[in-house]
N, C-alpha and C. Protein backbone atom coordinates (compact mmCIF):
# COMPACT_ATOMS: atom_id res chain seq x y z
N MET A 1 42.18 -31.00 12.59
CA MET A 1 40.45 -31.13 11.85
C MET A 1 39.31 -30.49 13.21
N VAL A 2 38.76 -29.41 12.63
CA VAL A 2 38.13 -28.54 13.02
C VAL A 2 36.74 -29.10 13.51
N SER A 3 36.19 -29.16 14.61
CA SER A 3 34.76 -29.96 14.96
C SER A 3 33.96 -28.87 15.37
N TYR A 4 32.70 -28.77 15.45
CA TYR A 4 31.66 -28.08 15.88
C TYR A 4 30.91 -28.55 16.87
N HIS A 5 30.09 -27.92 17.69
CA HIS A 5 29.55 -28.29 18.74
C HIS A 5 28.02 -27.11 19.08
N TRP A 6 27.09 -28.16 19.09
CA TRP A 6 25.68 -27.59 19.12
C TRP A 6 25.51 -27.01 20.74
N GLY A 7 24.93 -25.85 20.72
CA GLY A 7 23.93 -25.59 22.03
C GLY A 7 23.31 -24.26 21.46
N VAL A 8 22.74 -23.70 22.83
CA VAL A 8 21.72 -22.67 22.80
C VAL A 8 22.08 -21.46 23.36
N ASP A 9 21.04 -20.66 23.37
CA ASP A 9 21.29 -18.87 24.51
C ASP A 9 19.93 -19.02 24.37
N SER A 10 19.71 -18.25 25.56
CA SER A 10 18.35 -17.50 25.76
C SER A 10 18.05 -16.34 26.47
N SER A 11 17.48 -15.58 26.10
CA SER A 11 17.21 -14.30 26.79
C SER A 11 16.49 -14.41 28.56
N LYS A 12 15.74 -15.64 28.53
CA LYS A 12 15.42 -15.76 29.70
C LYS A 12 16.24 -16.71 30.69
N SER A 13 16.10 -17.06 32.13
CA SER A 13 16.61 -17.34 32.83
C SER A 13 16.82 -18.88 32.60
N VAL A 14 18.25 -20.08 32.85
CA VAL A 14 17.87 -21.10 32.66
C VAL A 14 17.33 -21.40 34.19
N THR A 15 16.04 -22.40 34.09
CA THR A 15 15.33 -22.83 34.91
C THR A 15 15.37 -24.67 34.91
N ARG A 16 15.12 -25.13 35.81
CA ARG A 16 15.18 -26.59 35.87
C ARG A 16 14.00 -27.24 34.91
N GLU A 17 13.12 -26.29 34.71
CA GLU A 17 11.86 -26.76 33.39
C GLU A 17 12.14 -26.36 32.45
N LEU A 18 13.17 -25.53 32.18
CA LEU A 18 13.54 -24.79 30.79
C LEU A 18 14.51 -25.75 30.14
N TYR A 19 15.17 -26.39 31.22
CA TYR A 19 16.74 -27.37 30.91
C TYR A 19 15.88 -28.94 30.46
N ASN A 20 15.00 -29.14 31.33
CA ASN A 20 14.54 -30.22 30.86
C ASN A 20 13.59 -30.47 29.72
N SER A 21 13.08 -29.03 29.84
CA SER A 21 12.06 -28.89 28.25
C SER A 21 13.04 -28.76 26.73
N ILE A 22 14.17 -28.52 26.90
CA ILE A 22 15.25 -28.05 25.72
C ILE A 22 15.80 -29.84 25.56
N LEU A 23 16.22 -30.37 26.87
CA LEU A 23 16.62 -31.50 26.54
C LEU A 23 16.01 -32.55 25.36
N SER A 24 14.57 -32.72 25.71
CA SER A 24 13.74 -33.79 25.83
C SER A 24 13.01 -32.86 24.19
N THR A 25 13.39 -31.85 24.33
CA THR A 25 12.86 -31.47 22.70
C THR A 25 14.09 -31.35 21.26
N TYR A 26 14.92 -31.14 22.06
CA TYR A 26 15.87 -30.23 20.98
C TYR A 26 17.76 -31.80 21.10
N GLY A 27 17.74 -32.11 22.60
CA GLY A 27 18.63 -32.72 22.79
C GLY A 27 19.57 -31.48 23.50
N LYS A 28 20.61 -32.29 24.06
CA LYS A 28 21.64 -31.36 25.42
C LYS A 28 23.00 -30.86 24.68
N PRO A 29 22.95 -29.48 25.58
CA PRO A 29 23.57 -28.54 24.41
C PRO A 29 24.94 -28.71 24.99
N GLU A 30 25.87 -28.36 24.77
CA GLU A 30 27.38 -28.88 25.28
C GLU A 30 27.58 -27.18 25.75
N PHE A 31 26.88 -26.35 25.22
CA PHE A 31 26.93 -24.62 26.35
C PHE A 31 25.73 -24.21 26.02
N TRP A 32 25.48 -22.78 26.70
CA TRP A 32 24.08 -21.95 26.66
C TRP A 32 24.44 -20.38 27.11
N GLY A 33 24.24 -19.83 25.86
CA GLY A 33 24.26 -18.31 25.56
C GLY A 33 23.71 -17.65 26.33
N ARG A 34 24.13 -16.85 27.21
CA ARG A 34 23.48 -15.90 28.61
C ARG A 34 23.58 -14.81 28.71
N SER A 35 22.96 -13.44 28.79
CA SER A 35 23.39 -12.11 29.08
C SER A 35 23.96 -12.20 30.86
N LEU A 36 25.49 -11.79 30.64
CA LEU A 36 26.20 -11.45 31.96
C LEU A 36 25.31 -10.76 32.91
N THR A 37 24.47 -9.18 32.64
CA THR A 37 23.51 -8.54 33.29
C THR A 37 22.01 -8.30 32.33
N GLY A 38 21.13 -8.39 33.13
CA GLY A 38 19.68 -7.81 32.76
C GLY A 38 19.42 -6.42 32.05
N VAL A 39 18.72 -6.62 31.25
CA VAL A 39 18.58 -5.36 30.38
C VAL A 39 17.07 -5.54 29.62
N GLU A 40 16.41 -4.51 30.85
CA GLU A 40 15.05 -4.15 30.78
C GLU A 40 14.34 -4.20 29.66
N GLY A 41 13.43 -4.88 29.41
CA GLY A 41 12.24 -5.35 28.17
C GLY A 41 13.92 -6.12 27.03
N VAL A 42 14.86 -6.70 27.77
CA VAL A 42 15.14 -7.48 26.33
C VAL A 42 16.02 -8.26 27.09
N THR A 43 16.70 -8.70 28.27
CA THR A 43 16.94 -9.97 28.14
C THR A 43 17.14 -10.33 29.92
N GLU A 44 16.74 -11.01 30.26
CA GLU A 44 17.37 -11.31 32.28
C GLU A 44 18.68 -11.48 32.52
N GLY A 45 19.50 -11.33 33.28
CA GLY A 45 20.88 -11.56 33.61
C GLY A 45 20.77 -12.84 34.38
N VAL A 46 22.22 -13.40 33.86
CA VAL A 46 22.19 -14.64 34.41
C VAL A 46 22.79 -15.12 36.15
N THR A 47 22.37 -15.98 36.58
CA THR A 47 23.01 -15.77 37.99
C THR A 47 23.70 -16.79 38.46
N LYS A 48 24.37 -16.80 39.52
CA LYS A 48 25.35 -17.66 40.07
C LYS A 48 24.35 -19.33 39.94
N GLU A 49 23.57 -19.16 40.70
CA GLU A 49 22.04 -20.14 40.68
C GLU A 49 22.22 -20.65 39.70
N GLU A 50 22.05 -20.29 38.33
CA GLU A 50 22.08 -20.55 36.75
C GLU A 50 23.39 -21.33 36.32
N LEU A 51 24.80 -20.73 36.84
CA LEU A 51 25.93 -21.04 36.54
C LEU A 51 25.79 -22.90 36.96
N GLU A 52 25.35 -22.75 38.42
CA GLU A 52 25.60 -23.99 39.20
C GLU A 52 24.72 -25.17 38.52
N LEU A 53 23.44 -24.46 37.85
CA LEU A 53 22.59 -25.85 37.44
C LEU A 53 23.04 -26.12 36.35
N LEU A 54 24.01 -25.14 34.93
CA LEU A 54 24.55 -25.19 33.61
C LEU A 54 25.41 -26.31 34.33
N HIS A 55 26.65 -26.05 35.26
CA HIS A 55 27.68 -27.18 35.25
C HIS A 55 27.74 -28.30 35.81
N SER A 56 26.41 -28.12 36.55
CA SER A 56 26.40 -29.72 37.13
C SER A 56 25.87 -30.68 36.07
N ASN A 57 25.40 -30.06 34.72
CA ASN A 57 25.22 -30.88 33.82
C ASN A 57 25.70 -31.05 32.85
N GLY A 58 26.85 -30.62 33.27
CA GLY A 58 28.41 -30.80 31.78
C GLY A 58 27.92 -29.66 30.66
N ILE A 59 27.44 -28.17 31.14
CA ILE A 59 27.16 -27.33 30.21
C ILE A 59 28.00 -25.96 30.77
N LYS A 60 28.56 -25.51 29.60
CA LYS A 60 29.27 -24.17 29.40
C LYS A 60 28.52 -22.99 29.30
N LEU A 61 29.14 -22.12 30.15
CA LEU A 61 28.23 -21.07 29.60
C LEU A 61 28.73 -20.07 28.65
N LEU A 62 28.21 -19.30 27.61
CA LEU A 62 28.82 -18.77 26.39
C LEU A 62 28.01 -17.26 27.22
N PRO A 63 29.38 -16.75 27.50
CA PRO A 63 28.76 -15.13 28.07
C PRO A 63 28.30 -14.10 27.04
N ILE A 64 27.16 -13.16 27.55
CA ILE A 64 26.79 -12.54 26.23
C ILE A 64 26.76 -10.77 27.25
N TYR A 65 27.21 -9.74 26.84
CA TYR A 65 26.78 -8.45 26.89
C TYR A 65 26.29 -7.35 26.18
N SER A 66 25.28 -7.16 26.46
CA SER A 66 24.31 -6.03 25.63
C SER A 66 23.95 -4.76 26.31
N ASP A 67 24.79 -4.26 27.46
CA ASP A 67 24.31 -3.20 28.19
C ASP A 67 24.61 -2.10 28.10
N PHE A 68 24.13 -1.36 26.17
CA PHE A 68 24.84 -0.45 25.99
C PHE A 68 24.22 -0.02 24.71
N ARG A 69 23.76 1.14 24.48
CA ARG A 69 22.82 1.56 23.20
C ARG A 69 23.62 1.94 21.99
N ARG A 70 25.11 1.93 22.17
CA ARG A 70 26.08 2.16 20.72
C ARG A 70 27.61 1.95 20.82
N ALA A 71 27.89 2.09 19.99
CA ALA A 71 29.04 1.67 19.80
C ALA A 71 29.98 2.44 18.87
N ILE A 72 30.09 4.04 19.44
CA ILE A 72 30.77 5.04 18.78
C ILE A 72 32.03 5.42 19.86
N GLY A 73 33.46 5.25 19.03
CA GLY A 73 33.94 6.10 19.77
C GLY A 73 34.98 5.26 20.77
N GLU A 74 36.53 5.19 20.43
CA GLU A 74 37.26 4.37 21.31
C GLU A 74 37.00 4.37 23.39
N SER A 75 36.43 5.74 23.55
CA SER A 75 36.62 5.94 25.03
C SER A 75 35.56 5.37 25.23
N HIS A 76 34.50 5.05 24.49
CA HIS A 76 32.91 4.42 25.01
C HIS A 76 33.35 2.70 24.86
N ALA A 77 34.19 2.53 23.94
CA ALA A 77 34.22 0.70 24.17
C ALA A 77 34.94 0.16 24.96
N LYS A 78 35.68 1.15 25.77
CA LYS A 78 36.51 0.58 27.14
C LYS A 78 35.57 0.82 28.18
N VAL A 79 34.88 1.73 28.47
CA VAL A 79 33.86 1.92 29.34
C VAL A 79 32.72 0.61 29.25
N VAL A 80 32.70 -0.06 28.14
CA VAL A 80 32.13 -1.13 28.03
C VAL A 80 32.54 -2.04 27.99
N ALA A 81 33.75 -2.50 28.12
CA ALA A 81 34.76 -3.89 28.19
C ALA A 81 35.23 -3.59 29.37
N MET A 82 35.37 -2.65 30.31
CA MET A 82 35.45 -2.30 31.58
C MET A 82 34.14 -3.26 32.37
N ASN A 83 33.32 -2.54 31.96
CA ASN A 83 31.77 -3.28 32.47
C ASN A 83 31.23 -4.68 32.18
N ALA A 84 31.66 -4.91 31.28
CA ALA A 84 31.50 -7.00 30.83
C ALA A 84 32.59 -7.52 31.67
N THR A 85 34.11 -7.19 31.74
CA THR A 85 34.81 -7.83 32.59
C THR A 85 34.58 -7.75 33.86
N TYR A 86 33.95 -6.51 34.58
CA TYR A 86 33.64 -6.66 35.99
C TYR A 86 32.77 -7.70 36.27
N GLN A 87 31.44 -7.53 35.12
CA GLN A 87 30.52 -8.76 35.55
C GLN A 87 30.71 -10.43 35.55
N ALA A 88 31.79 -10.12 34.58
CA ALA A 88 32.33 -11.47 34.34
C ALA A 88 32.89 -12.13 35.28
N LYS A 89 34.12 -11.16 36.47
CA LYS A 89 34.64 -11.86 37.39
C LYS A 89 33.93 -11.52 38.65
N ARG A 90 32.55 -10.59 38.64
CA ARG A 90 31.65 -10.94 39.65
C ARG A 90 30.83 -12.51 39.79
N LEU A 91 30.83 -13.07 38.68
CA LEU A 91 30.43 -14.05 38.18
C LEU A 91 31.48 -15.38 38.36
N GLY A 92 32.89 -15.14 38.59
CA GLY A 92 33.55 -16.17 38.85
C GLY A 92 34.12 -16.35 37.51
N LEU A 93 33.65 -15.84 36.38
CA LEU A 93 34.66 -16.77 34.98
C LEU A 93 35.55 -16.94 35.11
N LYS A 94 35.73 -18.23 34.34
CA LYS A 94 37.39 -18.48 34.73
C LYS A 94 38.20 -17.25 33.58
N LYS A 95 39.48 -17.16 33.98
CA LYS A 95 40.47 -16.44 32.88
C LYS A 95 40.58 -17.33 31.41
N GLY A 96 40.68 -16.50 30.64
CA GLY A 96 40.42 -16.51 29.72
C GLY A 96 39.65 -17.09 28.67
N THR A 97 37.97 -17.02 29.42
CA THR A 97 36.87 -17.15 28.57
C THR A 97 36.51 -15.73 27.66
N MET A 98 35.85 -16.03 26.76
CA MET A 98 35.83 -15.29 25.92
C MET A 98 34.22 -14.68 25.90
N ILE A 99 33.83 -13.02 26.14
CA ILE A 99 32.91 -12.21 26.20
C ILE A 99 32.41 -12.05 24.93
N PHE A 100 31.16 -12.42 24.30
CA PHE A 100 30.92 -11.94 23.43
C PHE A 100 29.67 -10.34 23.45
N VAL A 101 30.49 -9.42 23.27
CA VAL A 101 29.55 -8.16 23.16
C VAL A 101 28.07 -8.10 22.02
N HIS A 102 27.40 -7.97 22.34
CA HIS A 102 26.08 -7.72 21.12
C HIS A 102 25.95 -6.37 20.45
N LEU A 103 26.50 -6.17 19.20
CA LEU A 103 26.01 -5.38 18.88
C LEU A 103 24.81 -5.31 17.52
N ALA A 104 23.80 -5.33 17.71
CA ALA A 104 22.39 -5.08 17.10
C ALA A 104 22.86 -4.42 15.28
N LYS A 105 22.23 -5.05 15.07
CA LYS A 105 21.93 -4.46 13.54
C LYS A 105 21.60 -3.05 13.51
N ALA A 106 20.90 -2.49 14.69
CA ALA A 106 19.90 -1.17 14.70
C ALA A 106 21.49 -0.33 15.33
N LEU A 107 22.13 -0.70 15.92
CA LEU A 107 23.16 -0.18 16.69
C LEU A 107 23.69 1.18 15.45
N PRO A 108 24.29 2.18 15.71
CA PRO A 108 25.48 2.88 14.98
C PRO A 108 26.72 2.46 16.17
N ILE A 109 28.01 1.55 14.74
CA ILE A 109 29.07 1.28 14.96
C ILE A 109 30.20 2.08 14.32
N ASP A 110 31.04 2.21 14.87
CA ASP A 110 32.48 2.39 14.32
C ASP A 110 33.61 1.70 14.56
N SER A 111 34.67 1.90 13.26
CA SER A 111 36.26 1.03 13.84
C SER A 111 36.58 1.61 14.66
N ALA A 112 36.43 3.11 15.75
CA ALA A 112 37.25 2.85 16.74
C ALA A 112 36.94 2.48 17.52
N TRP A 113 35.53 1.95 17.64
CA TRP A 113 34.89 1.37 19.15
C TRP A 113 35.07 -0.33 19.16
N ILE A 114 35.49 -1.04 17.69
CA ILE A 114 35.84 -2.39 17.64
C ILE A 114 37.53 -2.04 18.14
N LYS A 115 37.88 -1.07 17.60
CA LYS A 115 39.45 -1.32 17.73
C LYS A 115 39.54 -1.35 19.33
N GLY A 116 38.88 0.01 20.08
CA GLY A 116 39.32 0.14 21.35
C GLY A 116 38.49 -0.94 22.33
N PHE A 117 37.52 -1.75 22.07
CA PHE A 117 36.96 -2.97 22.75
C PHE A 117 38.27 -3.82 22.86
N VAL A 118 38.78 -4.34 21.42
CA VAL A 118 39.78 -4.99 21.54
C VAL A 118 41.08 -5.38 22.59
N ASP A 119 41.32 -3.75 22.36
CA ASP A 119 42.80 -2.89 22.96
C ASP A 119 42.71 -3.51 24.54
N TYR A 120 40.98 -3.40 24.78
CA TYR A 120 40.91 -2.89 26.05
C TYR A 120 41.24 -4.48 26.76
N MET A 121 40.30 -5.40 26.05
CA MET A 121 39.94 -6.59 26.34
C MET A 121 41.55 -7.51 26.21
N TYR A 122 42.97 -7.07 25.67
CA TYR A 122 43.61 -7.40 25.77
C TYR A 122 44.74 -7.44 26.66
N ASN A 123 44.27 -6.56 27.65
CA ASN A 123 45.04 -6.49 28.71
C ASN A 123 43.95 -6.69 30.14
N THR A 124 42.91 -7.67 29.76
CA THR A 124 42.54 -8.45 31.21
C THR A 124 42.20 -9.82 31.19
N ASP A 125 41.31 -10.04 31.85
CA ASP A 125 41.53 -12.20 31.60
C ASP A 125 40.97 -12.79 30.75
N TYR A 126 40.04 -11.38 29.65
CA TYR A 126 39.03 -12.40 28.93
C TYR A 126 39.29 -12.18 27.73
N LYS A 127 38.35 -12.54 26.74
CA LYS A 127 38.70 -12.39 25.52
C LYS A 127 38.17 -11.68 24.94
N PRO A 128 37.84 -11.10 23.62
CA PRO A 128 37.13 -9.98 22.73
C PRO A 128 36.21 -11.23 21.59
N GLY A 129 35.07 -11.05 21.92
CA GLY A 129 34.13 -11.58 20.64
C GLY A 129 32.98 -10.56 21.01
N PHE A 130 32.22 -10.73 18.86
CA PHE A 130 31.33 -10.16 18.70
C PHE A 130 30.04 -10.64 18.33
N TYR A 131 28.82 -10.48 18.79
CA TYR A 131 27.86 -10.91 18.20
C TYR A 131 27.09 -9.78 17.75
N VAL A 132 27.20 -10.71 16.30
CA VAL A 132 26.44 -9.72 15.41
C VAL A 132 26.10 -10.32 13.99
N ASP A 133 25.11 -9.73 13.35
CA ASP A 133 24.86 -10.22 11.91
C ASP A 133 25.22 -9.01 10.93
N PRO A 134 26.20 -9.80 10.44
CA PRO A 134 27.17 -9.30 9.39
C PRO A 134 26.82 -8.97 8.43
N THR A 135 25.00 -8.85 7.70
CA THR A 135 24.70 -8.62 6.59
C THR A 135 23.94 -7.26 6.40
N GLU A 136 23.63 -6.74 7.70
CA GLU A 136 22.98 -5.83 8.22
C GLU A 136 23.25 -4.58 8.96
N GLY A 137 23.31 -3.60 9.04
CA GLY A 137 23.72 -2.31 10.01
C GLY A 137 25.52 -2.11 9.30
N ASP A 138 25.81 -1.50 10.64
CA ASP A 138 27.38 -0.72 10.44
C ASP A 138 28.16 -1.96 10.99
N PHE A 139 28.13 -2.94 11.08
CA PHE A 139 29.37 -3.93 12.04
C PHE A 139 30.00 -3.94 10.47
N SER A 140 29.84 -4.55 9.33
CA SER A 140 31.09 -5.44 8.61
C SER A 140 31.96 -4.31 8.19
N ASN A 141 31.36 -2.93 7.50
CA ASN A 141 32.35 -2.61 7.18
C ASN A 141 33.35 -1.48 8.15
N SER A 142 32.55 -1.54 9.60
CA SER A 142 33.05 -0.75 10.20
C SER A 142 34.41 -2.03 11.19
N TYR A 143 33.93 -3.30 10.80
CA TYR A 143 35.01 -4.43 11.18
C TYR A 143 36.21 -4.50 10.52
N CYS A 144 35.95 -4.20 9.12
CA CYS A 144 36.62 -4.66 8.34
C CYS A 144 38.10 -3.08 8.31
N GLU A 145 37.31 -2.38 8.30
CA GLU A 145 38.38 -0.71 8.47
C GLU A 145 39.33 -1.12 9.83
N ALA A 146 38.66 -1.48 10.91
CA ALA A 146 39.29 -1.73 12.35
C ALA A 146 40.51 -3.03 12.07
N ALA A 147 40.18 -3.84 11.19
CA ALA A 147 41.16 -5.30 11.08
C ALA A 147 42.23 -4.37 10.45
N SER A 148 41.73 -3.70 9.04
CA SER A 148 43.13 -3.61 8.34
C SER A 148 43.62 -2.81 9.24
N GLN A 149 43.42 -1.66 10.28
CA GLN A 149 44.15 -0.70 10.74
C GLN A 149 44.77 -1.86 12.08
N SER A 150 44.60 -2.68 12.49
CA SER A 150 44.80 -3.22 13.66
C SER A 150 44.94 -4.67 13.61
N ASP A 151 46.25 -4.99 13.83
CA ASP A 151 46.50 -6.62 13.42
C ASP A 151 46.02 -7.65 14.73
N ARG A 152 45.69 -6.91 16.02
CA ARG A 152 44.82 -7.56 17.09
C ARG A 152 43.73 -7.85 17.25
N VAL A 153 42.98 -6.73 15.95
CA VAL A 153 41.58 -6.64 16.07
C VAL A 153 41.48 -8.62 14.97
N ALA A 154 41.98 -7.83 14.35
CA ALA A 154 42.15 -9.27 12.83
C ALA A 154 42.63 -10.63 13.65
N LYS A 155 43.21 -10.54 14.64
CA LYS A 155 43.93 -11.79 14.68
C LYS A 155 42.89 -12.30 16.36
N GLN A 156 42.87 -11.34 16.97
CA GLN A 156 42.18 -11.69 18.77
C GLN A 156 40.83 -11.66 18.49
N ALA A 157 39.46 -10.87 17.75
CA ALA A 157 38.34 -10.79 17.88
C ALA A 157 38.12 -12.40 17.24
N VAL A 158 36.72 -12.64 17.88
CA VAL A 158 36.06 -13.37 17.33
C VAL A 158 34.88 -13.35 17.09
N LEU A 159 34.02 -13.79 15.68
CA LEU A 159 32.94 -13.21 15.66
C LEU A 159 31.87 -14.84 15.82
N TRP A 160 30.68 -13.93 16.35
CA TRP A 160 29.38 -15.20 16.35
C TRP A 160 28.39 -14.66 15.38
N SER A 161 28.17 -15.20 14.15
CA SER A 161 27.09 -14.76 13.29
C SER A 161 25.77 -15.03 13.58
N ALA A 162 25.21 -14.12 13.08
CA ALA A 162 23.32 -14.61 13.59
C ALA A 162 22.89 -14.59 12.24
N ALA A 163 23.73 -14.99 10.96
CA ALA A 163 23.01 -14.75 9.92
C ALA A 163 23.90 -15.75 8.78
N PRO A 164 23.59 -16.42 8.18
CA PRO A 164 21.71 -16.82 7.87
C PRO A 164 20.59 -17.47 8.75
N ASP A 165 20.01 -17.20 8.55
CA ASP A 165 18.58 -17.84 9.18
C ASP A 165 18.35 -19.25 9.01
N GLU A 166 18.75 -20.56 9.15
CA GLU A 166 18.19 -22.08 8.93
C GLU A 166 17.08 -22.09 9.32
N GLY A 167 16.86 -21.92 10.16
CA GLY A 167 15.78 -21.99 11.68
C GLY A 167 16.11 -23.67 12.45
N VAL A 168 15.46 -22.94 13.40
CA VAL A 168 15.60 -24.19 14.81
C VAL A 168 16.07 -25.53 14.47
N SER A 169 16.76 -26.36 15.05
CA SER A 169 16.81 -27.29 14.86
C SER A 169 17.26 -28.61 16.24
N THR A 170 17.14 -29.46 16.04
CA THR A 170 17.44 -30.69 16.99
C THR A 170 18.98 -30.83 16.99
N VAL A 171 19.62 -31.23 18.01
CA VAL A 171 21.32 -31.23 18.20
C VAL A 171 22.01 -32.41 16.08
N THR A 172 20.85 -33.47 16.48
CA THR A 172 21.22 -33.77 15.62
C THR A 172 20.91 -33.66 13.71
N GLU A 173 19.97 -32.72 13.53
CA GLU A 173 19.75 -31.89 12.12
C GLU A 173 20.10 -30.81 12.24
N ALA A 174 21.50 -30.48 12.64
CA ALA A 174 22.06 -29.45 12.71
C ALA A 174 22.40 -29.29 11.38
N PRO A 175 22.37 -28.05 10.67
CA PRO A 175 23.25 -27.49 9.14
C PRO A 175 24.85 -27.87 9.19
N GLU A 176 24.95 -27.85 8.36
CA GLU A 176 26.43 -27.99 7.84
C GLU A 176 26.91 -26.13 8.50
N PHE A 177 27.92 -26.12 9.27
CA PHE A 177 29.02 -24.82 9.64
C PHE A 177 29.01 -24.03 8.50
N ASN A 178 28.02 -22.62 8.31
CA ASN A 178 28.24 -22.11 7.24
C ASN A 178 27.78 -20.78 7.51
N PRO A 179 28.22 -19.99 8.46
CA PRO A 179 27.87 -18.62 8.98
C PRO A 179 27.97 -17.57 7.78
N ALA A 180 27.53 -16.89 7.72
CA ALA A 180 27.84 -15.49 6.83
C ALA A 180 28.84 -14.38 7.50
N GLY A 181 29.89 -13.66 7.09
CA GLY A 181 30.92 -13.18 7.77
C GLY A 181 30.92 -11.82 6.87
N PRO A 182 31.78 -11.03 7.16
CA PRO A 182 32.13 -9.34 7.10
C PRO A 182 32.92 -9.59 5.60
N PRO A 183 32.92 -8.70 4.69
CA PRO A 183 33.82 -9.14 3.32
C PRO A 183 35.43 -8.43 3.51
N CYS A 184 36.09 -9.21 4.42
CA CYS A 184 37.13 -9.47 4.80
C CYS A 184 37.86 -10.33 5.45
N GLU A 185 38.59 -10.65 5.75
CA GLU A 185 39.20 -12.08 6.82
C GLU A 185 38.90 -11.91 8.09
N ALA A 186 38.20 -12.74 8.78
CA ALA A 186 37.65 -12.65 10.17
C ALA A 186 37.37 -13.86 10.51
N ASN A 187 37.69 -14.65 11.93
CA ASN A 187 37.57 -15.23 12.63
C ASN A 187 35.49 -15.53 13.22
N VAL A 188 34.92 -15.93 11.71
CA VAL A 188 33.98 -16.47 12.46
C VAL A 188 33.47 -17.76 12.98
N TRP A 189 33.68 -18.01 14.07
CA TRP A 189 33.88 -19.18 14.73
C TRP A 189 32.65 -20.05 16.00
N ALA A 190 31.77 -18.80 15.04
CA ALA A 190 29.98 -19.19 15.64
C ALA A 190 28.96 -18.89 15.10
N TRP A 191 27.98 -19.90 15.18
CA TRP A 191 26.57 -19.48 14.27
C TRP A 191 25.51 -19.51 14.82
N GLN A 192 24.87 -18.58 15.10
CA GLN A 192 24.12 -18.60 15.40
C GLN A 192 22.43 -18.88 14.53
N TYR A 193 22.47 -20.26 14.13
CA TYR A 193 21.42 -20.62 12.96
C TYR A 193 20.07 -20.09 13.15
N GLY A 194 19.65 -20.66 14.15
CA GLY A 194 18.22 -20.89 14.45
C GLY A 194 17.64 -20.19 15.71
N HIS A 195 16.57 -19.28 14.87
CA HIS A 195 16.25 -17.85 16.24
C HIS A 195 14.97 -17.97 16.57
N ASP A 196 15.01 -17.90 18.20
CA ASP A 196 13.32 -17.81 18.61
C ASP A 196 12.20 -19.02 18.20
N THR A 197 12.36 -19.85 18.84
CA THR A 197 11.61 -20.95 18.98
C THR A 197 10.19 -21.16 19.41
N GLY A 198 9.65 -20.32 19.16
CA GLY A 198 7.74 -20.68 19.79
C GLY A 198 7.92 -20.03 21.81
N ASN A 199 7.54 -21.34 22.24
CA ASN A 199 7.01 -20.52 23.62
C ASN A 199 8.64 -21.10 24.30
N LEU A 200 9.38 -21.45 24.24
CA LEU A 200 10.45 -22.16 24.74
C LEU A 200 11.53 -20.59 24.44
N LYS A 201 11.33 -20.05 23.26
CA LYS A 201 12.21 -18.83 23.87
C LYS A 201 13.75 -19.27 23.31
N ILE A 202 14.43 -20.14 22.79
CA ILE A 202 15.84 -20.18 22.78
C ILE A 202 16.36 -20.07 21.14
N ASN A 203 17.61 -20.00 20.99
CA ASN A 203 18.09 -19.70 19.70
C ASN A 203 18.85 -21.31 19.50
N THR A 204 19.41 -21.69 18.81
CA THR A 204 20.58 -22.89 18.22
C THR A 204 21.39 -22.39 17.55
N ASN A 205 22.80 -23.19 18.25
CA ASN A 205 24.03 -22.59 17.32
C ASN A 205 25.14 -23.51 17.15
N LEU A 206 25.50 -23.27 16.79
CA LEU A 206 27.24 -24.49 16.10
C LEU A 206 28.24 -23.44 17.06
N ILE A 207 29.41 -24.09 17.43
CA ILE A 207 30.07 -22.77 17.64
C ILE A 207 31.84 -24.12 17.07
N ASP A 208 32.72 -23.56 16.91
CA ASP A 208 34.06 -23.52 16.65
C ASP A 208 34.74 -24.54 17.88
N ASN A 209 35.08 -25.53 18.00
CA ASN A 209 35.83 -26.21 19.26
C ASN A 209 37.00 -25.59 19.71
N ARG A 210 37.24 -23.93 18.91
CA ARG A 210 38.38 -23.39 19.58
C ARG A 210 37.24 -22.07 21.28
N VAL A 211 36.09 -22.17 20.49
CA VAL A 211 35.44 -21.39 21.20
C VAL A 211 34.87 -22.00 22.40
N LEU A 212 34.50 -23.40 22.45
CA LEU A 212 34.28 -24.06 23.19
C LEU A 212 35.10 -24.16 24.42
N GLN A 213 36.47 -23.97 23.62
CA GLN A 213 37.58 -24.43 24.94
C GLN A 213 37.84 -22.92 25.68
N MET A 214 37.60 -21.65 25.41
CA MET A 214 37.11 -20.71 25.77
C MET A 214 35.90 -19.82 26.41
N LEU A 215 35.10 -21.12 26.76
CA LEU A 215 33.53 -21.03 27.65
C LEU A 215 33.67 -21.25 28.99
N SER A 216 33.30 -20.71 29.79
CA SER A 216 33.28 -20.96 31.20
C SER A 216 32.70 -22.25 31.91
């Protein structure tokens, strides 16, 4: 039987103050999504100090990589995958950890990029994930095309869906797991169901137990 786990993600660094605020307001997350690198005006990069804080409280890191502006072509995908895995190794993330590349809905995305990313990740110590809104933009059509051409894409890639937005909630009030996905078979095993809560600036998520096992 599939079980689901509650957690958060944030563009801001995890401080003791933020952690305590989340704990008292929403409950204890089992994982925390953070970017592997800083992107100016978008997100702060996770630090080893943050990892120590999370791990000391029994919380896993859900790694995100978003330091790119397009997703076109196999060669570009491999550069992004190379950079993402380098950052994961720099932080000491364990073998088998899933890295979610953020394919924002405004990005141009093609099937060659998706296939190239999965193919490169297959020969690394890490697993391929896509953090996407499957209801808007280029992702869904490009993903379905790539999956129809590549069994590796269809079986290896995991999707973290940002839709629909049901609103931020506490751990005890989380909705039933029901993320949107592309119009083809896909491993939609993670759902960002609540977006950007006021002053705390965090999102709330549910993930499949299989994803939890692939976090650091």
